[in-house]
């Protein structure tokens, strides 16, 4: 399984609540409409939690400032991703998503990367 992981930071001037609302109510449905063009299996938005517990866990590891959320998109494999995003529909969907990202994401400070399933464990 191939995943694209996008660690999002909001554009300056947006509150976290405004950012997450736009992401959920505007960008999410836009992505849902482009899933077929991307030949993507799944899309999830992971919205960052706030509060003292979230702040404590972030600071406990000495990491950078937290993200406002993480977007994750799944494909069967790299070949499916390359094939789908190389079509006219896939490229058009990518342009549409990028134009919308400019409305709410600080792209310069939002890392994006691809991963492949390495290890998985199930809990109780």
PDB file of N, CA and C in Angstrom:
ATOM      1  N   UNK A   1       0.847  -1.167   0.000  1.00  0.00           N
ATOM      2  CA  UNK A   1       0.000   0.000   0.000  1.00  0.00           C
ATOM      3  C   UNK A   1       0.895   1.234   0.000  1.00  0.00           C
ATOM      4  N   UNK A   2       0.567   2.180  -0.850  1.00  0.00           N
ATOM      5  CA  UNK A   2       1.290   3.445  -0.934  1.00  0.00           C
ATOM      6  C   UNK A   2       0.426   4.537  -0.331  1.00  0.00           C
ATOM      7  N   UNK A   3       1.026   5.389   0.485  1.00  0.00           N
ATOM      8  CA  UNK A   3       0.278   6.517   1.037  1.00  0.00           C
ATOM      9  C   UNK A   3       1.030   7.812   0.792  1.00  0.00           C
ATOM     10  N   UNK A   4       0.256   8.854   0.576  1.00  0.00           N
ATOM     11  CA  UNK A   4       0.782  10.206   0.534  1.00  0.00           C
ATOM     12  C   UNK A   4       0.382  10.843   1.862  1.00  0.00           C
ATOM     13  N   UNK A   5       1.351  11.387   2.568  1.00  0.00           N
ATOM     14  CA  UNK A   5       1.121  11.995   3.873  1.00  0.00           C
ATOM     15  C   UNK A   5       1.458  13.482   3.743  1.00  0.00           C
ATOM     16  N   UNK A   6       0.516  14.328   4.133  1.00  0.00           N
ATOM     17  CA  UNK A   6       0.657  15.768   3.983  1.00  0.00           C
ATOM     18  C   UNK A   6       0.432  16.393   5.357  1.00  0.00           C
ATOM     19  N   UNK A   7       1.500  16.901   5.981  1.00  0.00           N
ATOM     20  CA  UNK A   7       1.434  17.517   7.307  1.00  0.00           C
ATOM     21  C   UNK A   7       1.120  18.999   7.127  1.00  0.00           C
ATOM     22  N   UNK A   8      -0.078  19.402   7.517  1.00  0.00           N
ATOM     23  CA  UNK A   8      -0.590  20.712   7.154  1.00  0.00           C
ATOM     24  C   UNK A   8      -0.435  21.767   8.244  1.00  0.00           C
ATOM     25  N   UNK A   9      -0.012  22.932   7.799  1.00  0.00           N
ATOM     26  CA  UNK A   9      -0.029  24.133   8.634  1.00  0.00           C
ATOM     27  C   UNK A   9      -0.885  25.165   7.920  1.00  0.00           C
ATOM     28  N   UNK A  10      -1.668  25.873   8.694  1.00  0.00           N
ATOM     29  CA  UNK A  10      -2.611  26.840   8.128  1.00  0.00           C
ATOM     30  C   UNK A  10      -1.911  28.120   7.670  1.00  0.00           C
ATOM     31  N   UNK A  11      -2.556  28.772   6.711  1.00  0.00           N
ATOM     32  CA  UNK A  11      -2.070  30.063   6.242  1.00  0.00           C
ATOM     33  C   UNK A  11      -2.180  31.087   7.359  1.00  0.00           C
ATOM     34  N   UNK A  12      -1.276  32.025   7.351  1.00  0.00           N
ATOM     35  CA  UNK A  12      -1.307  33.113   8.325  1.00  0.00           C
ATOM     36  C   UNK A  12      -2.640  33.844   8.232  1.00  0.00           C
ATOM     37  N   UNK A  13      -3.186  34.178   9.383  1.00  0.00           N
ATOM     38  CA  UNK A  13      -4.452  34.893   9.428  1.00  0.00           C
ATOM     39  C   UNK A  13      -5.658  34.001   9.658  1.00  0.00           C
ATOM     40  N   UNK A  14      -5.475  32.684   9.546  1.00  0.00           N
ATOM     41  CA  UNK A  14      -6.571  31.752   9.810  1.00  0.00           C
ATOM     42  C   UNK A  14      -6.404  31.154  11.198  1.00  0.00           C
ATOM     43  N   UNK A  15      -7.479  31.066  11.952  1.00  0.00           N
ATOM     44  CA  UNK A  15      -7.429  30.343  13.216  1.00  0.00           C
ATOM     45  C   UNK A  15      -7.426  28.849  12.896  1.00  0.00           C
ATOM     46  N   UNK A  16      -7.038  28.044  13.864  1.00  0.00           N
ATOM     47  CA  UNK A  16      -7.075  26.594  13.659  1.00  0.00           C
ATOM     48  C   UNK A  16      -8.493  26.140  13.345  1.00  0.00           C
ATOM     49  N   UNK A  17      -9.480  26.717  14.041  1.00  0.00           N
ATOM     50  CA  UNK A  17     -10.875  26.344  13.815  1.00  0.00           C
ATOM     51  C   UNK A  17     -11.310  26.701  12.391  1.00  0.00           C
ATOM     52  N   UNK A  18     -10.943  27.886  11.912  1.00  0.00           N
ATOM     53  CA  UNK A  18     -11.288  28.294  10.540  1.00  0.00           C
ATOM     54  C   UNK A  18     -10.627  27.371   9.522  1.00  0.00           C
ATOM     55  N   UNK A  19      -9.342  27.074   9.771  1.00  0.00           N
ATOM     56  CA  UNK A  19      -8.597  26.180   8.886  1.00  0.00           C
ATOM     57  C   UNK A  19      -9.271  24.817   8.803  1.00  0.00           C
ATOM     58  N   UNK A  20      -9.554  24.223   9.970  1.00  0.00           N
ATOM     59  CA  UNK A  20     -10.122  22.884   9.986  1.00  0.00           C
ATOM     60  C   UNK A  20     -11.533  22.864   9.406  1.00  0.00           C
ATOM     61  N   UNK A  21     -12.294  23.919   9.613  1.00  0.00           N
ATOM     62  CA  UNK A  21     -13.639  23.984   9.034  1.00  0.00           C
ATOM     63  C   UNK A  21     -13.558  24.032   7.496  1.00  0.00           C
ATOM     64  N   UNK A  22     -12.675  24.885   6.978  1.00  0.00           N
ATOM     65  CA  UNK A  22     -12.525  24.973   5.520  1.00  0.00           C
ATOM     66  C   UNK A  22     -12.068  23.633   4.959  1.00  0.00           C
ATOM     67  N   UNK A  23     -11.104  23.034   5.601  1.00  0.00           N
ATOM     68  CA  UNK A  23     -10.554  21.755   5.164  1.00  0.00           C
ATOM     69  C   UNK A  23     -11.643  20.687   5.130  1.00  0.00           C
ATOM     70  N   UNK A  24     -12.442  20.632   6.190  1.00  0.00           N
ATOM     71  CA  UNK A  24     -13.499  19.622   6.295  1.00  0.00           C
ATOM     72  C   UNK A  24     -14.646  19.902   5.327  1.00  0.00           C
ATOM     73  N   UNK A  25     -15.106  21.151   5.279  1.00  0.00           N
ATOM     74  CA  UNK A  25     -16.327  21.480   4.535  1.00  0.00           C
ATOM     75  C   UNK A  25     -16.109  21.813   3.069  1.00  0.00           C
ATOM     76  N   UNK A  26     -14.918  22.256   2.688  1.00  0.00           N
ATOM     77  CA  UNK A  26     -14.653  22.626   1.303  1.00  0.00           C
ATOM     78  C   UNK A  26     -13.678  21.668   0.616  1.00  0.00           C
ATOM     79  N   UNK A  27     -12.508  21.527   1.226  1.00  0.00           N
ATOM     80  CA  UNK A  27     -11.466  20.727   0.585  1.00  0.00           C
ATOM     81  C   UNK A  27     -11.788  19.233   0.592  1.00  0.00           C
ATOM     82  N   UNK A  28     -12.351  18.755   1.697  1.00  0.00           N
ATOM     83  CA  UNK A  28     -12.713  17.332   1.781  1.00  0.00           C
ATOM     84  C   UNK A  28     -13.666  16.904   0.678  1.00  0.00           C
ATOM     85  N   UNK A  29     -14.792  17.614   0.509  1.00  0.00           N
ATOM     86  CA  UNK A  29     -15.705  17.256  -0.583  1.00  0.00           C
ATOM     87  C   UNK A  29     -15.066  17.392  -1.973  1.00  0.00           C
ATOM     88  N   UNK A  30     -14.157  18.348  -2.129  1.00  0.00           N
ATOM     89  CA  UNK A  30     -13.459  18.492  -3.404  1.00  0.00           C
ATOM     90  C   UNK A  30     -12.599  17.252  -3.668  1.00  0.00           C
ATOM     91  N   UNK A  31     -11.907  16.785  -2.630  1.00  0.00           N
ATOM     92  CA  UNK A  31     -11.104  15.575  -2.775  1.00  0.00           C
ATOM     93  C   UNK A  31     -11.990  14.371  -3.065  1.00  0.00           C
ATOM     94  N   UNK A  32     -13.105  14.281  -2.368  1.00  0.00           N
ATOM     95  CA  UNK A  32     -14.020  13.166  -2.607  1.00  0.00           C
ATOM     96  C   UNK A  32     -14.440  13.130  -4.075  1.00  0.00           C
ATOM     97  N   UNK A  33     -14.685  14.296  -4.652  1.00  0.00           N
ATOM     98  CA  UNK A  33     -15.061  14.365  -6.058  1.00  0.00           C
ATOM     99  C   UNK A  33     -13.933  14.008  -7.011  1.00  0.00           C
ATOM    100  N   UNK A  34     -12.687  14.040  -6.534  1.00  0.00           N
ATOM    101  CA  UNK A  34     -11.533  13.733  -7.384  1.00  0.00           C
ATOM    102  C   UNK A  34     -10.934  12.351  -7.127  1.00  0.00           C
ATOM    103  N   UNK A  35     -11.515  11.599  -6.207  1.00  0.00           N
ATOM    104  CA  UNK A  35     -10.957  10.286  -5.867  1.00  0.00           C
ATOM    105  C   UNK A  35     -10.854   9.364  -7.084  1.00  0.00           C
ATOM    106  N   UNK A  36     -11.870   9.359  -7.919  1.00  0.00           N
ATOM    107  CA  UNK A  36     -11.841   8.477  -9.085  1.00  0.00           C
ATOM    108  C   UNK A  36     -10.741   8.888 -10.055  1.00  0.00           C
ATOM    109  N   UNK A  37     -10.599  10.207 -10.289  1.00  0.00           N
ATOM    110  CA  UNK A  37      -9.554  10.678 -11.195  1.00  0.00           C
ATOM    111  C   UNK A  37      -8.167  10.302 -10.677  1.00  0.00           C
ATOM    112  N   UNK A  38      -8.004  10.306  -9.362  1.00  0.00           N
ATOM    113  CA  UNK A  38      -6.722   9.934  -8.755  1.00  0.00           C
ATOM    114  C   UNK A  38      -6.561   8.425  -8.590  1.00  0.00           C
ATOM    115  N   UNK A  39      -7.622   7.652  -8.821  1.00  0.00           N
ATOM    116  CA  UNK A  39      -7.623   6.208  -8.582  1.00  0.00           C
ATOM    117  C   UNK A  39      -7.155   5.902  -7.152  1.00  0.00           C
ATOM    118  N   UNK A  40      -7.555   6.785  -6.220  1.00  0.00           N
ATOM    119  CA  UNK A  40      -7.164   6.631  -4.814  1.00  0.00           C
ATOM    120  C   UNK A  40      -8.148   5.716  -4.105  1.00  0.00           C
ATOM    121  N   UNK A  41      -7.649   4.935  -3.169  1.00  0.00           N
ATOM    122  CA  UNK A  41      -8.472   3.993  -2.412  1.00  0.00           C
ATOM    123  C   UNK A  41      -9.158   4.652  -1.218  1.00  0.00           C
ATOM    124  N   UNK A  42      -8.460   5.602  -0.582  1.00  0.00           N
ATOM    125  CA  UNK A  42      -8.990   6.167   0.655  1.00  0.00           C
ATOM    126  C   UNK A  42      -8.358   7.537   0.881  1.00  0.00           C
ATOM    127  N   UNK A  43      -9.131   8.405   1.536  1.00  0.00           N
ATOM    128  CA  UNK A  43      -8.650   9.727   1.929  1.00  0.00           C
ATOM    129  C   UNK A  43      -9.131   9.993   3.343  1.00  0.00           C
ATOM    130  N   UNK A  44      -8.223  10.447   4.196  1.00  0.00           N
ATOM    131  CA  UNK A  44      -8.605  10.806   5.559  1.00  0.00           C
ATOM    132  C   UNK A  44      -7.973  12.136   5.937  1.00  0.00           C
ATOM    133  N   UNK A  45      -8.710  12.877   6.760  1.00  0.00           N
ATOM    134  CA  UNK A  45      -8.199  14.091   7.383  1.00  0.00           C
ATOM    135  C   UNK A  45      -8.044  13.795   8.862  1.00  0.00           C
ATOM    136  N   UNK A  46      -6.877  14.061   9.397  1.00  0.00           N
ATOM    137  CA  UNK A  46      -6.633  13.896  10.819  1.00  0.00           C
ATOM    138  C   UNK A  46      -6.426  15.291  11.392  1.00  0.00           C
ATOM    139  N   UNK A  47      -7.437  15.793  12.086  1.00  0.00           N
ATOM    140  CA  UNK A  47      -7.408  17.145  12.640  1.00  0.00           C
ATOM    141  C   UNK A  47      -6.689  17.139  13.991  1.00  0.00           C
ATOM    142  N   UNK A  48      -5.731  18.040  14.152  1.00  0.00           N
ATOM    143  CA  UNK A  48      -4.964  18.123  15.380  1.00  0.00           C
ATOM    144  C   UNK A  48      -5.862  18.496  16.558  1.00  0.00           C
ATOM    145  N   UNK A  49      -5.694  17.787  17.638  1.00  0.00           N
ATOM    146  CA  UNK A  49      -6.413  18.089  18.875  1.00  0.00           C
ATOM    147  C   UNK A  49      -5.696  19.210  19.610  1.00  0.00           C
ATOM    148  N   UNK A  50      -6.458  19.945  20.400  1.00  0.00           N
ATOM    149  CA  UNK A  50      -5.873  21.019  21.191  1.00  0.00           C
ATOM    150  C   UNK A  50      -6.117  20.740  22.671  1.00  0.00           C
ATOM    151  N   UNK A  51      -5.474  21.511  23.488  1.00  0.00           N
ATOM    152  CA  UNK A  51      -5.657  21.370  24.924  1.00  0.00           C
ATOM    153  C   UNK A  51      -4.352  21.020  25.608  1.00  0.00           C
ATOM    154  N   UNK A  52      -4.363  21.025  26.940  1.00  0.00           N
ATOM    155  CA  UNK A  52      -3.125  20.805  27.696  1.00  0.00           C
ATOM    156  C   UNK A  52      -2.492  19.436  27.444  1.00  0.00           C
ATOM    157  N   UNK A  53      -3.299  18.403  27.277  1.00  0.00           N
ATOM    158  CA  UNK A  53      -2.739  17.065  27.041  1.00  0.00           C
ATOM    159  C   UNK A  53      -2.017  17.012  25.697  1.00  0.00           C
ATOM    160  N   UNK A  54      -2.652  17.576  24.663  1.00  0.00           N
ATOM    161  CA  UNK A  54      -2.035  17.592  23.331  1.00  0.00           C
ATOM    162  C   UNK A  54      -0.750  18.415  23.345  1.00  0.00           C
ATOM    163  N   UNK A  55      -0.787  19.537  24.027  1.00  0.00           N
ATOM    164  CA  UNK A  55       0.399  20.394  24.119  1.00  0.00           C
ATOM    165  C   UNK A  55       1.520  19.687  24.870  1.00  0.00           C
ATOM    166  N   UNK A  56       1.170  18.985  25.933  1.00  0.00           N
ATOM    167  CA  UNK A  56       2.172  18.286  26.743  1.00  0.00           C
ATOM    168  C   UNK A  56       2.856  17.184  25.933  1.00  0.00           C
ATOM    169  N   UNK A  57       2.063  16.413  25.187  1.00  0.00           N
ATOM    170  CA  UNK A  57       2.682  15.316  24.416  1.00  0.00           C
ATOM    171  C   UNK A  57       3.588  15.867  23.323  1.00  0.00           C
ATOM    172  N   UNK A  58       3.194  16.969  22.711  1.00  0.00           N
ATOM    173  CA  UNK A  58       4.020  17.583  21.674  1.00  0.00           C
ATOM    174  C   UNK A  58       5.346  18.057  22.252  1.00  0.00           C
ATOM    175  N   UNK A  59       5.302  18.713  23.396  1.00  0.00           N
ATOM    176  CA  UNK A  59       6.522  19.252  24.000  1.00  0.00           C
ATOM    177  C   UNK A  59       7.391  18.166  24.623  1.00  0.00           C
ATOM    178  N   UNK A  60       6.810  17.022  24.970  1.00  0.00           N
ATOM    179  CA  UNK A  60       7.564  15.967  25.643  1.00  0.00           C
ATOM    180  C   UNK A  60       8.666  15.381  24.776  1.00  0.00           C
ATOM    181  N   UNK A  61       8.540  15.493  23.490  1.00  0.00           N
ATOM    182  CA  UNK A  61       9.535  14.917  22.575  1.00  0.00           C
ATOM    183  C   UNK A  61      10.481  15.971  21.997  1.00  0.00           C
ATOM    184  N   UNK A  62      10.246  17.244  22.351  1.00  0.00           N
ATOM    185  CA  UNK A  62      11.123  18.305  21.852  1.00  0.00           C
ATOM    186  C   UNK A  62      10.963  18.567  20.372  1.00  0.00           C
ATOM    187  N   UNK A  63       9.806  18.216  19.827  1.00  0.00           N
ATOM    188  CA  UNK A  63       9.584  18.383  18.397  1.00  0.00           C
ATOM    189  C   UNK A  63       9.249  19.810  18.000  1.00  0.00           C
ATOM    190  N   UNK A  64       9.022  20.011  16.717  1.00  0.00           N
ATOM    191  CA  UNK A  64       8.681  21.341  16.208  1.00  0.00           C
ATOM    192  C   UNK A  64       7.252  21.709  16.608  1.00  0.00           C
ATOM    193  N   UNK A  65       6.877  22.938  16.306  1.00  0.00           N
ATOM    194  CA  UNK A  65       5.486  23.330  16.511  1.00  0.00           C
ATOM    195  C   UNK A  65       4.585  22.329  15.810  1.00  0.00           C
ATOM    196  N   UNK A  66       3.423  22.090  16.411  1.00  0.00           N
ATOM    197  CA  UNK A  66       2.547  21.066  15.843  1.00  0.00           C
ATOM    198  C   UNK A  66       1.916  21.521  14.528  1.00  0.00           C
ATOM    199  N   UNK A  67       1.375  20.558  13.831  1.00  0.00           N
ATOM    200  CA  UNK A  67       0.654  20.800  12.588  1.00  0.00           C
ATOM    201  C   UNK A  67      -0.812  21.014  12.932  1.00  0.00           C
ATOM    202  N   UNK A  68      -1.542  21.591  11.992  1.00  0.00           N
ATOM    203  CA  UNK A  68      -2.977  21.785  12.182  1.00  0.00           C
ATOM    204  C   UNK A  68      -3.752  20.541  11.791  1.00  0.00           C
ATOM    205  N   UNK A  69      -3.088  19.637  11.124  1.00  0.00           N
ATOM    206  CA  UNK A  69      -3.700  18.380  10.736  1.00  0.00           C
ATOM    207  C   UNK A  69      -2.815  17.632   9.765  1.00  0.00           C
ATOM    208  N   UNK A  70      -3.229  16.414   9.461  1.00  0.00           N
ATOM    209  CA  UNK A  70      -2.506  15.559   8.523  1.00  0.00           C
ATOM    210  C   UNK A  70      -3.523  14.966   7.552  1.00  0.00           C
ATOM    211  N   UNK A  71      -3.233  15.076   6.271  1.00  0.00           N
ATOM    212  CA  UNK A  71      -4.055  14.433   5.237  1.00  0.00           C
ATOM    213  C   UNK A  71      -3.319  13.180   4.768  1.00  0.00           C
ATOM    214  N   UNK A  72      -4.066  12.102   4.570  1.00  0.00           N
ATOM    215  CA  UNK A  72      -3.472  10.850   4.118  1.00  0.00           C
ATOM    216  C   UNK A  72      -4.328  10.302   2.973  1.00  0.00           C
ATOM    217  N   UNK A  73      -3.650   9.947   1.875  1.00  0.00           N
ATOM    218  CA  UNK A  73      -4.324   9.367   0.706  1.00  0.00           C
ATOM    219  C   UNK A  73      -3.659   8.029   0.409  1.00  0.00           C
ATOM    220  N   UNK A  74      -4.476   6.998   0.145  1.00  0.00           N
ATOM    221  CA  UNK A  74      -3.983   5.643  -0.104  1.00  0.00           C
ATOM    222  C   UNK A  74      -4.168   5.244  -1.569  1.00  0.00           C
ATOM    223  N   UNK A  75      -3.152   4.553  -2.108  1.00  0.00           N
ATOM    224  CA  UNK A  75      -3.220   3.890  -3.408  1.00  0.00           C
ATOM    225  C   UNK A  75      -2.773   2.448  -3.242  1.00  0.00           C
ATOM    226  N   UNK A  76      -3.161   1.607  -4.183  1.00  0.00           N
ATOM    227  CA  UNK A  76      -2.731   0.205  -4.122  1.00  0.00           C
ATOM    228  C   UNK A  76      -1.212   0.094  -4.135  1.00  0.00           C
ATOM    229  N   UNK A  77      -0.577   0.885  -4.997  1.00  0.00           N
ATOM    230  CA  UNK A  77       0.874   0.847  -5.121  1.00  0.00           C
ATOM    231  C   UNK A  77       1.330   2.046  -5.951  1.00  0.00           C
ATOM    232  N   UNK A  78       2.623   2.177  -6.108  1.00  0.00           N
ATOM    233  CA  UNK A  78       3.188   3.302  -6.851  1.00  0.00           C
ATOM    234  C   UNK A  78       2.730   3.314  -8.303  1.00  0.00           C
ATOM    235  N   UNK A  79       2.601   2.148  -8.901  1.00  0.00           N
ATOM    236  CA  UNK A  79       2.167   2.070 -10.297  1.00  0.00           C
ATOM    237  C   UNK A  79       0.773   2.681 -10.484  1.00  0.00           C
ATOM    238  N   UNK A  80      -0.153   2.416  -9.556  1.00  0.00           N
ATOM    239  CA  UNK A  80      -1.499   3.004  -9.635  1.00  0.00           C
ATOM    240  C   UNK A  80      -1.440   4.521  -9.502  1.00  0.00           C
ATOM    241  N   UNK A  81      -0.618   5.002  -8.573  1.00  0.00           N
ATOM    242  CA  UNK A  81      -0.469   6.441  -8.382  1.00  0.00           C
ATOM    243  C   UNK A  81       0.065   7.098  -9.651  1.00  0.00           C
ATOM    244  N   UNK A  82       1.140   6.560 -10.193  1.00  0.00           N
ATOM    245  CA  UNK A  82       1.771   7.140 -11.383  1.00  0.00           C
ATOM    246  C   UNK A  82       0.814   7.110 -12.573  1.00  0.00           C
ATOM    247  N   UNK A  83       0.143   5.991 -12.759  1.00  0.00           N
ATOM    248  CA  UNK A  83      -0.791   5.876 -13.886  1.00  0.00           C
ATOM    249  C   UNK A  83      -1.935   6.880 -13.756  1.00  0.00           C
ATOM    250  N   UNK A  84      -2.549   6.957 -12.589  1.00  0.00           N
ATOM    251  CA  UNK A  84      -3.713   7.832 -12.407  1.00  0.00           C
ATOM    252  C   UNK A  84      -3.345   9.304 -12.490  1.00  0.00           C
ATOM    253  N   UNK A  85      -2.255   9.692 -11.860  1.00  0.00           N
ATOM    254  CA  UNK A  85      -1.890  11.106 -11.863  1.00  0.00           C
ATOM    255  C   UNK A  85      -1.261  11.535 -13.184  1.00  0.00           C
ATOM    256  N   UNK A  86      -0.995  10.574 -14.052  1.00  0.00           N
ATOM    257  CA  UNK A  86      -0.450  10.890 -15.370  1.00  0.00           C
ATOM    258  C   UNK A  86      -1.504  11.064 -16.451  1.00  0.00           C
ATOM    259  N   UNK A  87      -2.760  10.780 -16.119  1.00  0.00           N
ATOM    260  CA  UNK A  87      -3.830  10.960 -17.098  1.00  0.00           C
ATOM    261  C   UNK A  87      -4.253  12.420 -17.144  1.00  0.00           C
ATOM    262  N   UNK A  88      -4.981  12.787 -18.185  1.00  0.00           N
ATOM    263  CA  UNK A  88      -5.493  14.148 -18.288  1.00  0.00           C
ATOM    264  C   UNK A  88      -6.410  14.468 -17.110  1.00  0.00           C
ATOM    265  N   UNK A  89      -7.301  13.519 -16.766  1.00  0.00           N
ATOM    266  CA  UNK A  89      -8.198  13.727 -15.616  1.00  0.00           C
ATOM    267  C   UNK A  89      -7.421  13.837 -14.306  1.00  0.00           C
ATOM    268  N   UNK A  90      -6.410  13.010 -14.136  1.00  0.00           N
ATOM    269  CA  UNK A  90      -5.603  13.042 -12.923  1.00  0.00           C
ATOM    270  C   UNK A  90      -4.837  14.345 -12.780  1.00  0.00           C
ATOM    271  N   UNK A  91      -4.269  14.834 -13.878  1.00  0.00           N
ATOM    272  CA  UNK A  91      -3.545  16.106 -13.829  1.00  0.00           C
ATOM    273  C   UNK A  91      -4.501  17.262 -13.553  1.00  0.00           C
ATOM    274  N   UNK A  92      -5.694  17.236 -14.167  1.00  0.00           N
ATOM    275  CA  UNK A  92      -6.692  18.285 -13.923  1.00  0.00           C
ATOM    276  C   UNK A  92      -7.131  18.272 -12.460  1.00  0.00           C
ATOM    277  N   UNK A  93      -7.321  17.088 -11.890  1.00  0.00           N
ATOM    278  CA  UNK A  93      -7.705  16.971 -10.483  1.00  0.00           C
ATOM    279  C   UNK A  93      -6.590  17.509  -9.588  1.00  0.00           C
ATOM    280  N   UNK A  94      -5.356  17.204  -9.923  1.00  0.00           N
ATOM    281  CA  UNK A  94      -4.220  17.708  -9.147  1.00  0.00           C
ATOM    282  C   UNK A  94      -4.145  19.226  -9.173  1.00  0.00           C
ATOM    283  N   UNK A  95      -4.375  19.820 -10.326  1.00  0.00           N
ATOM    284  CA  UNK A  95      -4.380  21.282 -10.419  1.00  0.00           C
ATOM    285  C   UNK A  95      -5.510  21.879  -9.592  1.00  0.00           C
ATOM    286  N   UNK A  96      -6.680  21.258  -9.647  1.00  0.00           N
ATOM    287  CA  UNK A  96      -7.826  21.745  -8.882  1.00  0.00           C
ATOM    288  C   UNK A  96      -7.552  21.677  -7.381  1.00  0.00           C
ATOM    289  N   UNK A  97      -6.976  20.581  -6.931  1.00  0.00           N
ATOM    290  CA  UNK A  97      -6.676  20.436  -5.506  1.00  0.00           C
ATOM    291  C   UNK A  97      -5.633  21.464  -5.070  1.00  0.00           C
ATOM    292  N   UNK A  98      -4.610  21.661  -5.886  1.00  0.00           N
ATOM    293  CA  UNK A  98      -3.557  22.630  -5.559  1.00  0.00           C
ATOM    294  C   UNK A  98      -4.125  24.041  -5.461  1.00  0.00           C
ATOM    295  N   UNK A  99      -4.950  24.429  -6.406  1.00  0.00           N
ATOM    296  CA  UNK A  99      -5.560  25.775  -6.363  1.00  0.00           C
ATOM    297  C   UNK A  99      -6.340  25.966  -5.067  1.00  0.00           C
ATOM    298  N   UNK A 100      -7.047  24.929  -4.633  1.00  0.00           N
ATOM    299  CA  UNK A 100      -7.803  25.049  -3.399  1.00  0.00           C
ATOM    300  C   UNK A 100      -6.880  25.074  -2.181  1.00  0.00           C
ATOM    301  N   UNK A 101      -5.797  24.319  -2.209  1.00  0.00           N
ATOM    302  CA  UNK A 101      -4.841  24.324  -1.100  1.00  0.00           C
ATOM    303  C   UNK A 101      -4.287  25.718  -0.848  1.00  0.00           C
ATOM    304  N   UNK A 102      -4.143  26.495  -1.899  1.00  0.00           N
ATOM    305  CA  UNK A 102      -3.628  27.856  -1.760  1.00  0.00           C
ATOM    306  C   UNK A 102      -4.537  28.729  -0.899  1.00  0.00           C
ATOM    307  N   UNK A 103      -5.794  28.346  -0.747  1.00  0.00           N
ATOM    308  CA  UNK A 103      -6.748  29.117   0.045  1.00  0.00           C
ATOM    309  C   UNK A 103      -6.543  28.983   1.551  1.00  0.00           C
ATOM    310  N   UNK A 104      -5.924  27.880   1.998  1.00  0.00           N
ATOM    311  CA  UNK A 104      -5.901  27.658   3.445  1.00  0.00           C
ATOM    312  C   UNK A 104      -4.636  27.008   3.988  1.00  0.00           C
ATOM    313  N   UNK A 105      -3.759  26.508   3.145  1.00  0.00           N
ATOM    314  CA  UNK A 105      -2.552  25.810   3.601  1.00  0.00           C
ATOM    315  C   UNK A 105      -1.315  26.674   3.367  1.00  0.00           C
ATOM    316  N   UNK A 106      -0.446  26.735   4.375  1.00  0.00           N
ATOM    317  CA  UNK A 106       0.872  27.351   4.239  1.00  0.00           C
ATOM    318  C   UNK A 106       1.769  26.286   3.605  1.00  0.00           C
ATOM    319  N   UNK A 107       1.788  26.248   2.291  1.00  0.00           N
ATOM    320  CA  UNK A 107       2.464  25.163   1.579  1.00  0.00           C
ATOM    321  C   UNK A 107       3.964  25.107   1.860  1.00  0.00           C
ATOM    322  N   UNK A 108       4.597  26.253   2.039  1.00  0.00           N
ATOM    323  CA  UNK A 108       6.046  26.268   2.290  1.00  0.00           C
ATOM    324  C   UNK A 108       6.417  25.583   3.601  1.00  0.00           C
ATOM    325  N   UNK A 109       5.489  25.530   4.534  1.00  0.00           N
ATOM    326  CA  UNK A 109       5.765  24.958   5.854  1.00  0.00           C
ATOM    327  C   UNK A 109       4.934  23.714   6.135  1.00  0.00           C
ATOM    328  N   UNK A 110       4.509  23.053   5.069  1.00  0.00           N
ATOM    329  CA  UNK A 110       3.672  21.854   5.196  1.00  0.00           C
ATOM    330  C   UNK A 110       4.319  20.702   4.423  1.00  0.00           C
ATOM    331  N   UNK A 111       5.139  19.893   5.095  1.00  0.00           N
ATOM    332  CA  UNK A 111       5.824  18.803   4.409  1.00  0.00           C
ATOM    333  C   UNK A 111       4.844  17.780   3.826  1.00  0.00           C
ATOM    334  N   UNK A 112       5.239  17.243   2.695  1.00  0.00           N
ATOM    335  CA  UNK A 112       4.456  16.194   2.039  1.00  0.00           C
ATOM    336  C   UNK A 112       5.433  15.092   1.629  1.00  0.00           C
ATOM    337  N   UNK A 113       5.033  13.845   1.831  1.00  0.00           N
ATOM    338  CA  UNK A 113       5.919  12.740   1.475  1.00  0.00           C
ATOM    339  C   UNK A 113       5.092  11.484   1.226  1.00  0.00           C
ATOM    340  N   UNK A 114       5.718  10.508   0.592  1.00  0.00           N
ATOM    341  CA  UNK A 114       5.062   9.234   0.305  1.00  0.00           C
ATOM    342  C   UNK A 114       5.663   8.157   1.189  1.00  0.00           C
ATOM    343  N   UNK A 115       4.817   7.190   1.557  1.00  0.00           N
ATOM    344  CA  UNK A 115       5.266   6.077   2.383  1.00  0.00           C
ATOM    345  C   UNK A 115       4.732   4.766   1.813  1.00  0.00           C
ATOM    346  N   UNK A 116       5.368   3.683   2.205  1.00  0.00           N
ATOM    347  CA  UNK A 116       4.866   2.351   1.906  1.00  0.00           C
ATOM    348  C   UNK A 116       4.706   1.615   3.237  1.00  0.00           C
ATOM    349  N   UNK A 117       3.716   0.764   3.316  1.00  0.00           N
ATOM    350  CA  UNK A 117       3.472   0.016   4.544  1.00  0.00           C
ATOM    351  C   UNK A 117       4.718  -0.763   4.909  1.00  0.00           C
ATOM    352  N   UNK A 118       5.165  -0.584   6.162  1.00  0.00           N
ATOM    353  CA  UNK A 118       6.356  -1.271   6.627  1.00  0.00           C
ATOM    354  C   UNK A 118       6.046  -2.289   7.717  1.00  0.00           C
ATOM    355  N   UNK A 119       5.333  -1.877   8.736  1.00  0.00           N
ATOM    356  CA  UNK A 119       5.020  -2.747   9.857  1.00  0.00           C
ATOM    357  C   UNK A 119       3.658  -2.345  10.369  1.00  0.00           C
ATOM    358  N   UNK A 120       2.885  -3.314  10.782  1.00  0.00           N
ATOM    359  CA  UNK A 120       1.547  -3.028  11.280  1.00  0.00           C
ATOM    360  C   UNK A 120       1.265  -3.941  12.466  1.00  0.00           C
ATOM    361  N   UNK A 121       0.676  -3.380  13.505  1.00  0.00           N
ATOM    362  CA  UNK A 121       0.287  -4.147  14.686  1.00  0.00           C
ATOM    363  C   UNK A 121      -1.127  -3.772  15.070  1.00  0.00           C
ATOM    364  N   UNK A 122      -1.903  -4.740  15.462  1.00  0.00           N
ATOM    365  CA  UNK A 122      -3.269  -4.510  15.929  1.00  0.00           C
ATOM    366  C   UNK A 122      -3.282  -4.598  17.447  1.00  0.00           C
ATOM    367  N   UNK A 123      -4.127  -3.754  18.051  1.00  0.00           N
ATOM    368  CA  UNK A 123      -4.256  -3.769  19.504  1.00  0.00           C
ATOM    369  C   UNK A 123      -5.433  -4.615  19.948  1.00  0.00           C
ATOM    370  N   UNK A 124      -5.745  -4.470  21.194  1.00  0.00           N
ATOM    371  CA  UNK A 124      -6.807  -5.249  21.821  1.00  0.00           C
ATOM    372  C   UNK A 124      -8.150  -4.842  21.272  1.00  0.00           C
TER     373      UNK A 124
END
